[in-house]
Amino acid sequence: MQNNYEPQYVVIAQTKEKTLKKLEKSVDFSVDKRTELVCVDRVVSCNYIYRELKERLPEVFYPLRRGYLVNTLYIVALRRFEAELISGISIPIPALTYTQVKRDLQELIEKK
């Protein structure tokens, strides 16, 4: 995946990575490294884990909550504890991180 992207398509990336810490000692398991890119018109799967994808995407993608990277160009409203995307999807923002998320998003908007 290159750093060139088409902002009219990619909206959010949600990890499908599973962690089974309690079963680690007794059961062999494989971690699913597939990540879904939820786009305006389709869902695309890739073989990058969340951390790798976060490093490869441009800075307009913000970790809104655990497991989600959101294209900030597609946030149309930020309400108390949720962000609404252009597609109509609302993503909850944890209460503990809401103030920091709001501050970070305001800084990103000012950079544009």
PDB file of N, CA and C in Angstrom:
ATOM      1  N   MET A   1       0.846  -1.170   0.000  1.00  0.00           N
ATOM      2  CA  MET A   1       0.000   0.000   0.000  1.00  0.00           C
ATOM      3  C   MET A   1       0.892   1.234   0.000  1.00  0.00           C
ATOM      4  N   GLN A   2       0.635   2.155  -0.890  1.00  0.00           N
ATOM      5  CA  GLN A   2       1.415   3.378  -0.987  1.00  0.00           C
ATOM      6  C   GLN A   2       0.771   4.469  -0.152  1.00  0.00           C
ATOM      7  N   ASN A   3       1.524   5.541   0.068  1.00  0.00           N
ATOM      8  CA  ASN A   3       0.964   6.662   0.805  1.00  0.00           C
ATOM      9  C   ASN A   3       0.008   7.479  -0.049  1.00  0.00           C
ATOM     10  N   ASN A   4      -0.043   7.212  -1.339  1.00  0.00           N
ATOM     11  CA  ASN A   4      -1.027   7.881  -2.185  1.00  0.00           C
ATOM     12  C   ASN A   4      -2.371   7.210  -1.943  1.00  0.00           C
ATOM     13  N   TYR A   5      -3.391   7.987  -1.759  1.00  0.00           N
ATOM     14  CA  TYR A   5      -4.706   7.420  -1.504  1.00  0.00           C
ATOM     15  C   TYR A   5      -5.749   8.289  -2.176  1.00  0.00           C
ATOM     16  N   GLU A   6      -6.932   7.749  -2.309  1.00  0.00           N
ATOM     17  CA  GLU A   6      -8.024   8.492  -2.907  1.00  0.00           C
ATOM     18  C   GLU A   6      -8.993   8.866  -1.795  1.00  0.00           C
ATOM     19  N   PRO A   7      -8.946  10.111  -1.302  1.00  0.00           N
ATOM     20  CA  PRO A   7      -9.760  10.474  -0.153  1.00  0.00           C
ATOM     21  C   PRO A   7     -11.259  10.361  -0.381  1.00  0.00           C
ATOM     22  N   GLN A   8     -11.697  10.312  -1.632  1.00  0.00           N
ATOM     23  CA  GLN A   8     -13.125  10.180  -1.867  1.00  0.00           C
ATOM     24  C   GLN A   8     -13.616   8.762  -1.587  1.00  0.00           C
ATOM     25  N   TYR A   9     -12.712   7.819  -1.383  1.00  0.00           N
ATOM     26  CA  TYR A   9     -13.115   6.442  -1.120  1.00  0.00           C
ATOM     27  C   TYR A   9     -12.929   5.999   0.323  1.00  0.00           C
ATOM     28  N   VAL A  10     -11.715   6.054   0.834  1.00  0.00           N
ATOM     29  CA  VAL A  10     -11.443   5.454   2.128  1.00  0.00           C
ATOM     30  C   VAL A  10     -12.017   6.309   3.249  1.00  0.00           C
ATOM     31  N   VAL A  11     -12.821   5.685   4.092  1.00  0.00           N
ATOM     32  CA  VAL A  11     -13.437   6.400   5.198  1.00  0.00           C
ATOM     33  C   VAL A  11     -12.863   5.928   6.530  1.00  0.00           C
ATOM     34  N   ILE A  12     -12.983   4.648   6.842  1.00  0.00           N
ATOM     35  CA  ILE A  12     -12.443   4.160   8.101  1.00  0.00           C
ATOM     36  C   ILE A  12     -11.786   2.805   7.921  1.00  0.00           C
ATOM     37  N   ALA A  13     -10.907   2.479   8.825  1.00  0.00           N
ATOM     38  CA  ALA A  13     -10.286   1.160   8.843  1.00  0.00           C
ATOM     39  C   ALA A  13     -10.525   0.563  10.213  1.00  0.00           C
ATOM     40  N   GLN A  14     -11.077  -0.612  10.239  1.00  0.00           N
ATOM     41  CA  GLN A  14     -11.346  -1.273  11.507  1.00  0.00           C
ATOM     42  C   GLN A  14     -10.598  -2.589  11.527  1.00  0.00           C
ATOM     43  N   THR A  15      -9.852  -2.819  12.571  1.00  0.00           N
ATOM     44  CA  THR A  15      -9.061  -4.038  12.655  1.00  0.00           C
ATOM     45  C   THR A  15      -9.941  -5.256  12.922  1.00  0.00           C
ATOM     46  N   LYS A  16      -9.522  -6.363  12.388  1.00  0.00           N
ATOM     47  CA  LYS A  16     -10.182  -7.632  12.666  1.00  0.00           C
ATOM     48  C   LYS A  16      -9.253  -8.524  13.489  1.00  0.00           C
ATOM     49  N   GLU A  17      -8.152  -7.961  13.942  1.00  0.00           N
ATOM     50  CA  GLU A  17      -7.168  -8.727  14.698  1.00  0.00           C
ATOM     51  C   GLU A  17      -7.786  -9.214  16.006  1.00  0.00           C
ATOM     52  N   LYS A  18      -7.547 -10.480  16.337  1.00  0.00           N
ATOM     53  CA  LYS A  18      -8.118 -11.058  17.549  1.00  0.00           C
ATOM     54  C   LYS A  18      -7.004 -11.365  18.539  1.00  0.00           C
ATOM     55  N   THR A  19      -7.230 -11.095  19.783  1.00  0.00           N
ATOM     56  CA  THR A  19      -6.265 -11.471  20.807  1.00  0.00           C
ATOM     57  C   THR A  19      -6.954 -12.399  21.796  1.00  0.00           C
ATOM     58  N   LEU A  20      -6.299 -13.486  22.088  1.00  0.00           N
ATOM     59  CA  LEU A  20      -6.853 -14.493  22.997  1.00  0.00           C
ATOM     60  C   LEU A  20      -5.847 -14.756  24.109  1.00  0.00           C
ATOM     61  N   LYS A  21      -5.582 -13.777  24.932  1.00  0.00           N
ATOM     62  CA  LYS A  21      -4.534 -13.878  25.939  1.00  0.00           C
ATOM     63  C   LYS A  21      -4.783 -15.000  26.942  1.00  0.00           C
ATOM     64  N   LYS A  22      -6.006 -15.233  27.336  1.00  0.00           N
ATOM     65  CA  LYS A  22      -6.287 -16.268  28.329  1.00  0.00           C
ATOM     66  C   LYS A  22      -6.001 -17.662  27.786  1.00  0.00           C
ATOM     67  N   LEU A  23      -6.144 -17.837  26.485  1.00  0.00           N
ATOM     68  CA  LEU A  23      -5.948 -19.154  25.885  1.00  0.00           C
ATOM     69  C   LEU A  23      -4.531 -19.372  25.373  1.00  0.00           C
ATOM     70  N   GLU A  24      -3.693 -18.348  25.422  1.00  0.00           N
ATOM     71  CA  GLU A  24      -2.356 -18.434  24.843  1.00  0.00           C
ATOM     72  C   GLU A  24      -1.559 -19.626  25.344  1.00  0.00           C
ATOM     73  N   LYS A  25      -1.602 -19.914  26.620  1.00  0.00           N
ATOM     74  CA  LYS A  25      -0.752 -20.954  27.199  1.00  0.00           C
ATOM     75  C   LYS A  25      -1.228 -22.359  26.864  1.00  0.00           C
ATOM     76  N   SER A  26      -2.515 -22.539  26.671  1.00  0.00           N
ATOM     77  CA  SER A  26      -3.025 -23.889  26.505  1.00  0.00           C
ATOM     78  C   SER A  26      -3.447 -24.255  25.085  1.00  0.00           C
ATOM     79  N   VAL A  27      -3.670 -23.283  24.240  1.00  0.00           N
ATOM     80  CA  VAL A  27      -4.191 -23.562  22.906  1.00  0.00           C
ATOM     81  C   VAL A  27      -3.358 -22.837  21.859  1.00  0.00           C
ATOM     82  N   ASP A  28      -3.018 -23.541  20.785  1.00  0.00           N
ATOM     83  CA  ASP A  28      -2.369 -22.881  19.656  1.00  0.00           C
ATOM     84  C   ASP A  28      -3.447 -22.179  18.841  1.00  0.00           C
ATOM     85  N   PHE A  29      -3.164 -20.974  18.458  1.00  0.00           N
ATOM     86  CA  PHE A  29      -4.125 -20.246  17.634  1.00  0.00           C
ATOM     87  C   PHE A  29      -3.366 -19.306  16.723  1.00  0.00           C
ATOM     88  N   SER A  30      -4.026 -18.908  15.666  1.00  0.00           N
ATOM     89  CA  SER A  30      -3.409 -17.940  14.766  1.00  0.00           C
ATOM     90  C   SER A  30      -4.158 -16.624  14.894  1.00  0.00           C
ATOM     91  N   VAL A  31      -3.424 -15.544  14.776  1.00  0.00           N
ATOM     92  CA  VAL A  31      -4.027 -14.221  14.842  1.00  0.00           C
ATOM     93  C   VAL A  31      -4.425 -13.822  13.432  1.00  0.00           C
ATOM     94  N   ASP A  32      -5.657 -13.413  13.281  1.00  0.00           N
ATOM     95  CA  ASP A  32      -6.166 -12.959  11.989  1.00  0.00           C
ATOM     96  C   ASP A  32      -5.620 -11.568  11.722  1.00  0.00           C
ATOM     97  N   LYS A  33      -4.781 -11.443  10.690  1.00  0.00           N
ATOM     98  CA  LYS A  33      -4.155 -10.157  10.387  1.00  0.00           C
ATOM     99  C   LYS A  33      -4.944  -9.344   9.365  1.00  0.00           C
ATOM    100  N   ARG A  34      -6.123  -9.760   9.039  1.00  0.00           N
ATOM    101  CA  ARG A  34      -6.888  -9.036   8.029  1.00  0.00           C
ATOM    102  C   ARG A  34      -7.544  -7.805   8.640  1.00  0.00           C
ATOM    103  N   THR A  35      -7.532  -6.742   7.870  1.00  0.00           N
ATOM    104  CA  THR A  35      -8.161  -5.496   8.280  1.00  0.00           C
ATOM    105  C   THR A  35      -9.144  -5.084   7.201  1.00  0.00           C
ATOM    106  N   GLU A  36     -10.303  -4.629   7.614  1.00  0.00           N
ATOM    107  CA  GLU A  36     -11.301  -4.156   6.662  1.00  0.00           C
ATOM    108  C   GLU A  36     -11.200  -2.650   6.525  1.00  0.00           C
ATOM    109  N   LEU A  37     -11.173  -2.194   5.273  1.00  0.00           N
ATOM    110  CA  LEU A  37     -11.265  -0.770   4.979  1.00  0.00           C
ATOM    111  C   LEU A  37     -12.707  -0.520   4.557  1.00  0.00           C
ATOM    112  N   VAL A  38     -13.441   0.180   5.371  1.00  0.00           N
ATOM    113  CA  VAL A  38     -14.844   0.455   5.086  1.00  0.00           C
ATOM    114  C   VAL A  38     -14.892   1.753   4.298  1.00  0.00           C
ATOM    115  N   CYS A  39     -15.301   1.644   3.034  1.00  0.00           N
ATOM    116  CA  CYS A  39     -15.286   2.787   2.126  1.00  0.00           C
ATOM    117  C   CYS A  39     -16.709   3.261   1.850  1.00  0.00           C
ATOM    118  N   VAL A  40     -16.818   4.375   1.164  1.00  0.00           N
ATOM    119  CA  VAL A  40     -18.128   4.923   0.832  1.00  0.00           C
ATOM    120  C   VAL A  40     -18.925   3.947  -0.014  1.00  0.00           C
ATOM    121  N   ASP A  41     -18.259   3.290  -0.964  1.00  0.00           N
ATOM    122  CA  ASP A  41     -18.981   2.433  -1.899  1.00  0.00           C
ATOM    123  C   ASP A  41     -18.641   0.950  -1.822  1.00  0.00           C
ATOM    124  N   ARG A  42     -17.732   0.564  -0.925  1.00  0.00           N
ATOM    125  CA  ARG A  42     -17.368  -0.858  -0.834  1.00  0.00           C
ATOM    126  C   ARG A  42     -16.540  -1.112   0.423  1.00  0.00           C
ATOM    127  N   VAL A  43     -16.319  -2.399   0.719  1.00  0.00           N
ATOM    128  CA  VAL A  43     -15.445  -2.809   1.813  1.00  0.00           C
ATOM    129  C   VAL A  43     -14.277  -3.563   1.193  1.00  0.00           C
ATOM    130  N   VAL A  44     -13.065  -3.159   1.554  1.00  0.00           N
ATOM    131  CA  VAL A  44     -11.854  -3.763   1.000  1.00  0.00           C
ATOM    132  C   VAL A  44     -11.077  -4.405   2.139  1.00  0.00           C
ATOM    133  N   SER A  45     -10.606  -5.638   1.940  1.00  0.00           N
ATOM    134  CA  SER A  45      -9.774  -6.302   2.942  1.00  0.00           C
ATOM    135  C   SER A  45      -8.315  -6.181   2.565  1.00  0.00           C
ATOM    136  N   CYS A  46      -7.465  -6.051   3.577  1.00  0.00           N
ATOM    137  CA  CYS A  46      -6.025  -6.050   3.326  1.00  0.00           C
ATOM    138  C   CYS A  46      -5.345  -6.881   4.406  1.00  0.00           C
ATOM    139  N   ASN A  47      -4.091  -7.237   4.176  1.00  0.00           N
ATOM    140  CA  ASN A  47      -3.365  -8.107   5.090  1.00  0.00           C
ATOM    141  C   ASN A  47      -2.483  -7.361   6.082  1.00  0.00           C
ATOM    142  N   TYR A  48      -2.714  -6.090   6.265  1.00  0.00           N
ATOM    143  CA  TYR A  48      -1.957  -5.320   7.247  1.00  0.00           C
ATOM    144  C   TYR A  48      -2.683  -5.347   8.586  1.00  0.00           C
ATOM    145  N   ILE A  49      -1.924  -5.459   9.662  1.00  0.00           N
ATOM    146  CA  ILE A  49      -2.550  -5.295  10.961  1.00  0.00           C
ATOM    147  C   ILE A  49      -2.708  -3.799  11.208  1.00  0.00           C
ATOM    148  N   TYR A  50      -3.508  -3.459  12.178  1.00  0.00           N
ATOM    149  CA  TYR A  50      -3.851  -2.068  12.480  1.00  0.00           C
ATOM    150  C   TYR A  50      -2.610  -1.186  12.586  1.00  0.00           C
ATOM    151  N   ARG A  51      -1.625  -1.605  13.350  1.00  0.00           N
ATOM    152  CA  ARG A  51      -0.414  -0.803  13.572  1.00  0.00           C
ATOM    153  C   ARG A  51       0.320  -0.528  12.263  1.00  0.00           C
ATOM    154  N   GLU A  52       0.445  -1.546  11.410  1.00  0.00           N
ATOM    155  CA  GLU A  52       1.118  -1.365  10.114  1.00  0.00           C
ATOM    156  C   GLU A  52       0.330  -0.410   9.221  1.00  0.00           C
ATOM    157  N   LEU A  53      -0.964  -0.565   9.230  1.00  0.00           N
ATOM    158  CA  LEU A  53      -1.814   0.293   8.407  1.00  0.00           C
ATOM    159  C   LEU A  53      -1.724   1.744   8.873  1.00  0.00           C
ATOM    160  N   LYS A  54      -1.725   1.936  10.176  1.00  0.00           N
ATOM    161  CA  LYS A  54      -1.629   3.285  10.743  1.00  0.00           C
ATOM    162  C   LYS A  54      -0.340   3.976  10.303  1.00  0.00           C
ATOM    163  N   GLU A  55       0.758   3.232  10.245  1.00  0.00           N
ATOM    164  CA  GLU A  55       2.049   3.788   9.820  1.00  0.00           C
ATOM    165  C   GLU A  55       2.056   4.145   8.340  1.00  0.00           C
ATOM    166  N   ARG A  56       1.299   3.427   7.536  1.00  0.00           N
ATOM    167  CA  ARG A  56       1.321   3.626   6.086  1.00  0.00           C
ATOM    168  C   ARG A  56       0.342   4.696   5.592  1.00  0.00           C
ATOM    169  N   LEU A  57      -0.714   4.935   6.338  1.00  0.00           N
ATOM    170  CA  LEU A  57      -1.717   5.913   5.908  1.00  0.00           C
ATOM    171  C   LEU A  57      -1.255   7.333   6.227  1.00  0.00           C
ATOM    172  N   PRO A  58      -1.719   8.318   5.451  1.00  0.00           N
ATOM    173  CA  PRO A  58      -1.341   9.716   5.717  1.00  0.00           C
ATOM    174  C   PRO A  58      -1.949  10.207   7.032  1.00  0.00           C
ATOM    175  N   GLU A  59      -1.478  11.358   7.498  1.00  0.00           N
ATOM    176  CA  GLU A  59      -1.897  11.844   8.816  1.00  0.00           C
ATOM    177  C   GLU A  59      -3.355  12.284   8.895  1.00  0.00           C
ATOM    178  N   VAL A  60      -4.060  12.348   7.773  1.00  0.00           N
ATOM    179  CA  VAL A  60      -5.491  12.669   7.852  1.00  0.00           C
ATOM    180  C   VAL A  60      -6.285  11.535   8.493  1.00  0.00           C
ATOM    181  N   PHE A  61      -5.672  10.361   8.631  1.00  0.00           N
ATOM    182  CA  PHE A  61      -6.320   9.244   9.310  1.00  0.00           C
ATOM    183  C   PHE A  61      -5.990   9.317  10.789  1.00  0.00           C
ATOM    184  N   TYR A  62      -7.017   9.412  11.600  1.00  0.00           N
ATOM    185  CA  TYR A  62      -6.850   9.616  13.038  1.00  0.00           C
ATOM    186  C   TYR A  62      -7.430   8.422  13.800  1.00  0.00           C
ATOM    187  N   PRO A  63      -6.723   7.943  14.833  1.00  0.00           N
ATOM    188  CA  PRO A  63      -7.244   6.827  15.637  1.00  0.00           C
ATOM    189  C   PRO A  63      -8.347   7.304  16.588  1.00  0.00           C
ATOM    190  N   LEU A  64      -9.550   7.353  16.094  1.00  0.00           N
ATOM    191  CA  LEU A  64     -10.685   7.905  16.832  1.00  0.00           C
ATOM    192  C   LEU A  64     -11.006   7.109  18.093  1.00  0.00           C
ATOM    193  N   ARG A  65     -10.861   5.824  17.998  1.00  0.00           N
ATOM    194  CA  ARG A  65     -11.053   4.919  19.135  1.00  0.00           C
ATOM    195  C   ARG A  65     -10.266   3.654  18.841  1.00  0.00           C
ATOM    196  N   ARG A  66     -10.157   2.780  19.779  1.00  0.00           N
ATOM    197  CA  ARG A  66      -9.375   1.563  19.591  1.00  0.00           C
ATOM    198  C   ARG A  66      -9.904   0.763  18.400  1.00  0.00           C
ATOM    199  N   GLY A  67      -9.003   0.464  17.477  1.00  0.00           N
ATOM    200  CA  GLY A  67      -9.381  -0.332  16.323  1.00  0.00           C
ATOM    201  C   GLY A  67      -9.927   0.449  15.145  1.00  0.00           C
ATOM    202  N   TYR A  68     -10.038   1.756  15.252  1.00  0.00           N
ATOM    203  CA  TYR A  68     -10.580   2.573  14.173  1.00  0.00           C
ATOM    204  C   TYR A  68      -9.610   3.675  13.777  1.00  0.00           C
ATOM    205  N   LEU A  69      -9.324   3.755  12.478  1.00  0.00           N
ATOM    206  CA  LEU A  69      -8.615   4.899  11.914  1.00  0.00           C
ATOM    207  C   LEU A  69      -9.623   5.603  11.018  1.00  0.00           C
ATOM    208  N   VAL A  70      -9.875   6.855  11.281  1.00  0.00           N
ATOM    209  CA  VAL A  70     -10.920   7.580  10.561  1.00  0.00           C
ATOM    210  C   VAL A  70     -10.297   8.649   9.677  1.00  0.00           C
ATOM    211  N   ASN A  71     -10.746   8.704   8.432  1.00  0.00           N
ATOM    212  CA  ASN A  71     -10.326   9.768   7.531  1.00  0.00           C
ATOM    213  C   ASN A  71     -11.021  11.041   8.000  1.00  0.00           C
ATOM    214  N   THR A  72     -10.250  11.970   8.548  1.00  0.00           N
ATOM    215  CA  THR A  72     -10.833  13.184   9.130  1.00  0.00           C
ATOM    216  C   THR A  72     -11.499  14.077   8.087  1.00  0.00           C
ATOM    217  N   LEU A  73     -11.175  13.878   6.814  1.00  0.00           N
ATOM    218  CA  LEU A  73     -11.832  14.648   5.757  1.00  0.00           C
ATOM    219  C   LEU A  73     -13.313  14.286   5.641  1.00  0.00           C
ATOM    220  N   TYR A  74     -13.699  13.153   6.220  1.00  0.00           N
ATOM    221  CA  TYR A  74     -15.068  12.668   6.132  1.00  0.00           C
ATOM    222  C   TYR A  74     -15.875  12.851   7.408  1.00  0.00           C
ATOM    223  N   ILE A  75     -15.314  13.502   8.407  1.00  0.00           N
ATOM    224  CA  ILE A  75     -16.083  13.788   9.617  1.00  0.00           C
ATOM    225  C   ILE A  75     -16.916  15.041   9.357  1.00  0.00           C
ATOM    226  N   VAL A  76     -18.241  14.897   9.461  1.00  0.00           N
ATOM    227  CA  VAL A  76     -19.125  16.041   9.211  1.00  0.00           C
ATOM    228  C   VAL A  76     -19.625  16.671  10.502  1.00  0.00           C
ATOM    229  N   ALA A  77     -19.601  15.917  11.599  1.00  0.00           N
ATOM    230  CA  ALA A  77     -20.052  16.461  12.884  1.00  0.00           C
ATOM    231  C   ALA A  77     -19.351  15.731  14.020  1.00  0.00           C
ATOM    232  N   LEU A  78     -19.005  16.492  15.031  1.00  0.00           N
ATOM    233  CA  LEU A  78     -18.430  15.931  16.247  1.00  0.00           C
ATOM    234  C   LEU A  78     -19.361  16.322  17.386  1.00  0.00           C
ATOM    235  N   ARG A  79     -20.039  15.321  17.923  1.00  0.00           N
ATOM    236  CA  ARG A  79     -20.965  15.554  19.028  1.00  0.00           C
ATOM    237  C   ARG A  79     -20.391  14.920  20.283  1.00  0.00           C
ATOM    238  N   ARG A  80     -21.001  15.198  21.384  1.00  0.00           N
ATOM    239  CA  ARG A  80     -20.537  14.635  22.644  1.00  0.00           C
ATOM    240  C   ARG A  80     -20.445  13.117  22.516  1.00  0.00           C
ATOM    241  N   PHE A  81     -19.254  12.605  22.586  1.00  0.00           N
ATOM    242  CA  PHE A  81     -18.953  11.169  22.585  1.00  0.00           C
ATOM    243  C   PHE A  81     -19.252  10.438  21.279  1.00  0.00           C
ATOM    244  N   GLU A  82     -19.339  11.155  20.143  1.00  0.00           N
ATOM    245  CA  GLU A  82     -19.458  10.474  18.858  1.00  0.00           C
ATOM    246  C   GLU A  82     -19.066  11.400  17.708  1.00  0.00           C
ATOM    247  N   ALA A  83     -18.610  10.764  16.630  1.00  0.00           N
ATOM    248  CA  ALA A  83     -18.289  11.490  15.400  1.00  0.00           C
ATOM    249  C   ALA A  83     -19.183  10.936  14.300  1.00  0.00           C
ATOM    250  N   GLU A  84     -19.758  11.827  13.509  1.00  0.00           N
ATOM    251  CA  GLU A  84     -20.597  11.401  12.394  1.00  0.00           C
ATOM    252  C   GLU A  84     -19.820  11.580  11.104  1.00  0.00           C
ATOM    253  N   LEU A  85     -19.830  10.540  10.279  1.00  0.00           N
ATOM    254  CA  LEU A  85     -19.129  10.572   9.002  1.00  0.00           C
ATOM    255  C   LEU A  85     -20.092  10.948   7.890  1.00  0.00           C
ATOM    256  N   ILE A  86     -19.535  11.336   6.753  1.00  0.00           N
ATOM    257  CA  ILE A  86     -20.321  11.758   5.598  1.00  0.00           C
ATOM    258  C   ILE A  86     -21.281  10.658   5.133  1.00  0.00           C
ATOM    259  N   SER A  87     -20.921   9.407   5.383  1.00  0.00           N
ATOM    260  CA  SER A  87     -21.756   8.276   4.980  1.00  0.00           C
ATOM    261  C   SER A  87     -22.948   8.065   5.909  1.00  0.00           C
ATOM    262  N   GLY A  88     -22.997   8.825   7.018  1.00  0.00           N
ATOM    263  CA  GLY A  88     -24.080   8.665   7.983  1.00  0.00           C
ATOM    264  C   GLY A  88     -23.713   7.774   9.155  1.00  0.00           C
ATOM    265  N   ILE A  89     -22.575   7.125   9.089  1.00  0.00           N
ATOM    266  CA  ILE A  89     -22.110   6.272  10.181  1.00  0.00           C
ATOM    267  C   ILE A  89     -21.712   7.151  11.360  1.00  0.00           C
ATOM    268  N   SER A  90     -22.140   6.773  12.557  1.00  0.00           N
ATOM    269  CA  SER A  90     -21.703   7.449  13.778  1.00  0.00           C
ATOM    270  C   SER A  90     -20.772   6.511  14.530  1.00  0.00           C
ATOM    271  N   ILE A  91     -19.613   7.021  14.893  1.00  0.00           N
ATOM    272  CA  ILE A  91     -18.629   6.218  15.611  1.00  0.00           C
ATOM    273  C   ILE A  91     -18.532   6.754  17.033  1.00  0.00           C
ATOM    274  N   PRO A  92     -18.794   5.895  18.020  1.00  0.00           N
ATOM    275  CA  PRO A  92     -18.699   6.347  19.405  1.00  0.00           C
ATOM    276  C   PRO A  92     -17.257   6.674  19.793  1.00  0.00           C
ATOM    277  N   ILE A  93     -17.102   7.707  20.612  1.00  0.00           N
ATOM    278  CA  ILE A  93     -15.792   8.098  21.134  1.00  0.00           C
ATOM    279  C   ILE A  93     -15.833   7.858  22.642  1.00  0.00           C
ATOM    280  N   PRO A  94     -14.879   7.103  23.179  1.00  0.00           N
ATOM    281  CA  PRO A  94     -14.880   6.835  24.619  1.00  0.00           C
ATOM    282  C   PRO A  94     -14.840   8.131  25.439  1.00  0.00           C
ATOM    283  N   ALA A  95     -15.600   8.161  26.518  1.00  0.00           N
ATOM    284  CA  ALA A  95     -15.667   9.348  27.376  1.00  0.00           C
ATOM    285  C   ALA A  95     -14.293   9.738  27.914  1.00  0.00           C
ATOM    286  N   LEU A  96     -13.459   8.750  28.205  1.00  0.00           N
ATOM    287  CA  LEU A  96     -12.133   9.036  28.766  1.00  0.00           C
ATOM    288  C   LEU A  96     -11.218   9.769  27.793  1.00  0.00           C
ATOM    289  N   THR A  97     -11.424   9.574  26.498  1.00  0.00           N
ATOM    290  CA  THR A  97     -10.530  10.189  25.513  1.00  0.00           C
ATOM    291  C   THR A  97     -11.192  11.306  24.711  1.00  0.00           C
ATOM    292  N   TYR A  98     -12.459  11.581  24.969  1.00  0.00           N
ATOM    293  CA  TYR A  98     -13.203  12.540  24.150  1.00  0.00           C
ATOM    294  C   TYR A  98     -12.538  13.914  24.080  1.00  0.00           C
ATOM    295  N   THR A  99     -12.113  14.458  25.212  1.00  0.00           N
ATOM    296  CA  THR A  99     -11.516  15.797  25.231  1.00  0.00           C
ATOM    297  C   THR A  99     -10.248  15.845  24.388  1.00  0.00           C
ATOM    298  N   GLN A 100      -9.405  14.815  24.512  1.00  0.00           N
ATOM    299  CA  GLN A 100      -8.168  14.767  23.725  1.00  0.00           C
ATOM    300  C   GLN A 100      -8.472  14.593  22.237  1.00  0.00           C
ATOM    301  N   VAL A 101      -9.425  13.734  21.912  1.00  0.00           N
ATOM    302  CA  VAL A 101      -9.819  13.523  20.517  1.00  0.00           C
ATOM    303  C   VAL A 101     -10.314  14.831  19.912  1.00  0.00           C
ATOM    304  N   LYS A 102     -11.157  15.536  20.628  1.00  0.00           N
ATOM    305  CA  LYS A 102     -11.699  16.810  20.144  1.00  0.00           C
ATOM    306  C   LYS A 102     -10.573  17.807  19.884  1.00  0.00           C
ATOM    307  N   ARG A 103      -9.635  17.899  20.803  1.00  0.00           N
ATOM    308  CA  ARG A 103      -8.502  18.817  20.662  1.00  0.00           C
ATOM    309  C   ARG A 103      -7.641  18.435  19.445  1.00  0.00           C
ATOM    310  N   ASP A 104      -7.354  17.138  19.312  1.00  0.00           N
ATOM    311  CA  ASP A 104      -6.542  16.662  18.180  1.00  0.00           C
ATOM    312  C   ASP A 104      -7.223  16.946  16.843  1.00  0.00           C
ATOM    313  N   LEU A 105      -8.523  16.708  16.773  1.00  0.00           N
ATOM    314  CA  LEU A 105      -9.252  16.948  15.527  1.00  0.00           C
ATOM    315  C   LEU A 105      -9.283  18.430  15.179  1.00  0.00           C
ATOM    316  N   GLN A 106      -9.413  19.286  16.176  1.00  0.00           N
ATOM    317  CA  GLN A 106      -9.381  20.728  15.921  1.00  0.00           C
ATOM    318  C   GLN A 106      -8.024  21.146  15.357  1.00  0.00           C
ATOM    319  N   GLU A 107      -6.942  20.565  15.881  1.00  0.00           N
ATOM    320  CA  GLU A 107      -5.599  20.860  15.360  1.00  0.00           C
ATOM    321  C   GLU A 107      -5.459  20.398  13.916  1.00  0.00           C
ATOM    322  N   LEU A 108      -5.993  19.211  13.609  1.00  0.00           N
ATOM    323  CA  LEU A 108      -5.934  18.710  12.232  1.00  0.00           C
ATOM    324  C   LEU A 108      -6.715  19.610  11.283  1.00  0.00           C
ATOM    325  N   ILE A 109      -7.859  20.106  11.714  1.00  0.00           N
ATOM    326  CA  ILE A 109      -8.674  20.995  10.879  1.00  0.00           C
ATOM    327  C   ILE A 109      -7.929  22.296  10.611  1.00  0.00           C
ATOM    328  N   GLU A 110      -7.263  22.822  11.619  1.00  0.00           N
ATOM    329  CA  GLU A 110      -6.513  24.067  11.455  1.00  0.00           C
ATOM    330  C   GLU A 110      -5.345  23.914  10.483  1.00  0.00           C
ATOM    331  N   LYS A 111      -4.768  22.710  10.395  1.00  0.00           N
ATOM    332  CA  LYS A 111      -3.656  22.452   9.467  1.00  0.00           C
ATOM    333  C   LYS A 111      -4.109  22.478   8.015  1.00  0.00           C
ATOM    334  N   LYS A 112      -5.371  22.121   7.763  1.00  0.00           N
ATOM    335  CA  LYS A 112      -5.881  21.996   6.388  1.00  0.00           C
ATOM    336  C   LYS A 112      -5.917  23.305   5.724  1.00  0.00           C
TER     337      LYS A 112
END
